[in-house]
Amino acid sequence: MLKSSILWLHKWLGIITGIIVFILSITGCIYTFQDELKLWAYPEKYFTAPVHSASPPLPLSTLLNNAQQSLEEGQKISRIDLYPAKDRTWVFRAMKTDETAFGHWNYFRYYKRVFINPYTGKVQQVENTKTEFFQLVLQLHLNLLLGKKYGHALVSWSTALFMVILLSGIVLWWPKKWKGKHLRRSFWLDTKVKWKRLNHDLHNVIGFYSLLFGLAFAVTGLAFAFPTFKKSYVATFNLFQQEATSTKLPVPTPIPLTYEKFQDNALHYSLKNYPQAEMLSIRLKKETEPEIDIQIRRYEKRSGIFDWLYFDRKQANLKQIKTGDDLRFGDKLGSLNYDIHTGSIGGMGTKIIAFIASLFCASLPLTGYIIWLNKSKKAKKKKGYQHNVNKYC
């Protein structure tokens, strides 16, 4: 009786969310390698001719002014992604959204990326990111291109139900007997059976091997979808480490005032003192704000390994450094949420695993729908046969 109830729940939750889970899984496959694919697809945006190793980049204020002038009136740069490698452009982002709008095209009022050669100040390209392929893939993954207000809710709750489907699936997968054909069919496929049986076994076997990965995708996805959920699981894992390692709180360090604008000096200091960093990120603030913060990413394709530098504009010093190494276990897990979700946490190896696991997850709704259709046809035939028997007997 209990297993029948679980089967009913598994079936109908799968039918309701199957199309969305398929879309999320396929877009997740594509987005797994978006960092590598972008560099391959758009070399004219991301790469410059290599410069002499001693050549310093132009002041940030100069580059920011050039980027701003390349945009339409009313569009404002809000974030900068900087790449210290000598053959890379710096990316200046301008974005404004309407959180209540329906549809992707209305959600983004504008979204532009300006690619600039930091050593010459030349604008290499202005991208309309709103229509860029990988951004469309991301928005399809995040909100089904329906806008945040509507699509985000569908994706969030489908992800939560997908986790229930996975957990109920392991109950249904559990072999009746841990020997013989029952056990074999639970772990690998017999390609000699009829296609209906093969599809059923495919659903079971792939469901088993993708369980842990699917749960990882679901949990990290829910952390993006529901901030309260993320706070709860971060707090739970923080219990395993009662005291955080003391964060680096240096005596305020004066920084050299090489340039007229303090933001230029802060970036100059960061580049000089973190020569091994592969990426830096700045969220622009008003000049009246007393603090400037710069994120140092040690690896370009991993967002969870970082240092934050906090500069005091009025005192002209570096007042604090926070590093991901000093976080408590739960907080560190939270900071790695994106890396876990996309598979970038262990480099190319884990990305390949995440890609395959996403394909497995995409196959589950397809094989599940086929099982449901086959059983529906079988039930109709049986009902029709019973009707004829009753009619002529």
Foldseek 3Di string as FASTA:
>chain_A
DVLVVLVVLLQVLLVVLVVLLLLLLVLLLVLLCVVVVCCVVCVLQWWAPADPPPQDFDFPVLLLVLQVVVDDPPWHFFKKKDFPHRTTWIKTWTWDADQPAFFLVRGTPFIWIWTANRRPSDTRDIDRLSPDDNSVSVCCNQFNRTHCVHRNVSNLVSLVSVLSSLVSLVVVLDFPDCDDPSVVLQADADPVDDPLVRLVSLLRNLSVVLSVVSNLLSLLSNVVSDVVSLVVQLVVQLVVPVDFADFDFDAWAAFDCPDPALVSRVVVVVCVVCVQFRMKMFGDDDPPDQKGKMWTHNDPQFQLFIKIWIAGRVVRTTGHIGGLVRDRPSVSCSSRSVCSNSLPPPHPVSNVVSSVSSVSSSCNSVSSVVNVVVVVVVVVVVVVVVVVVVVPD
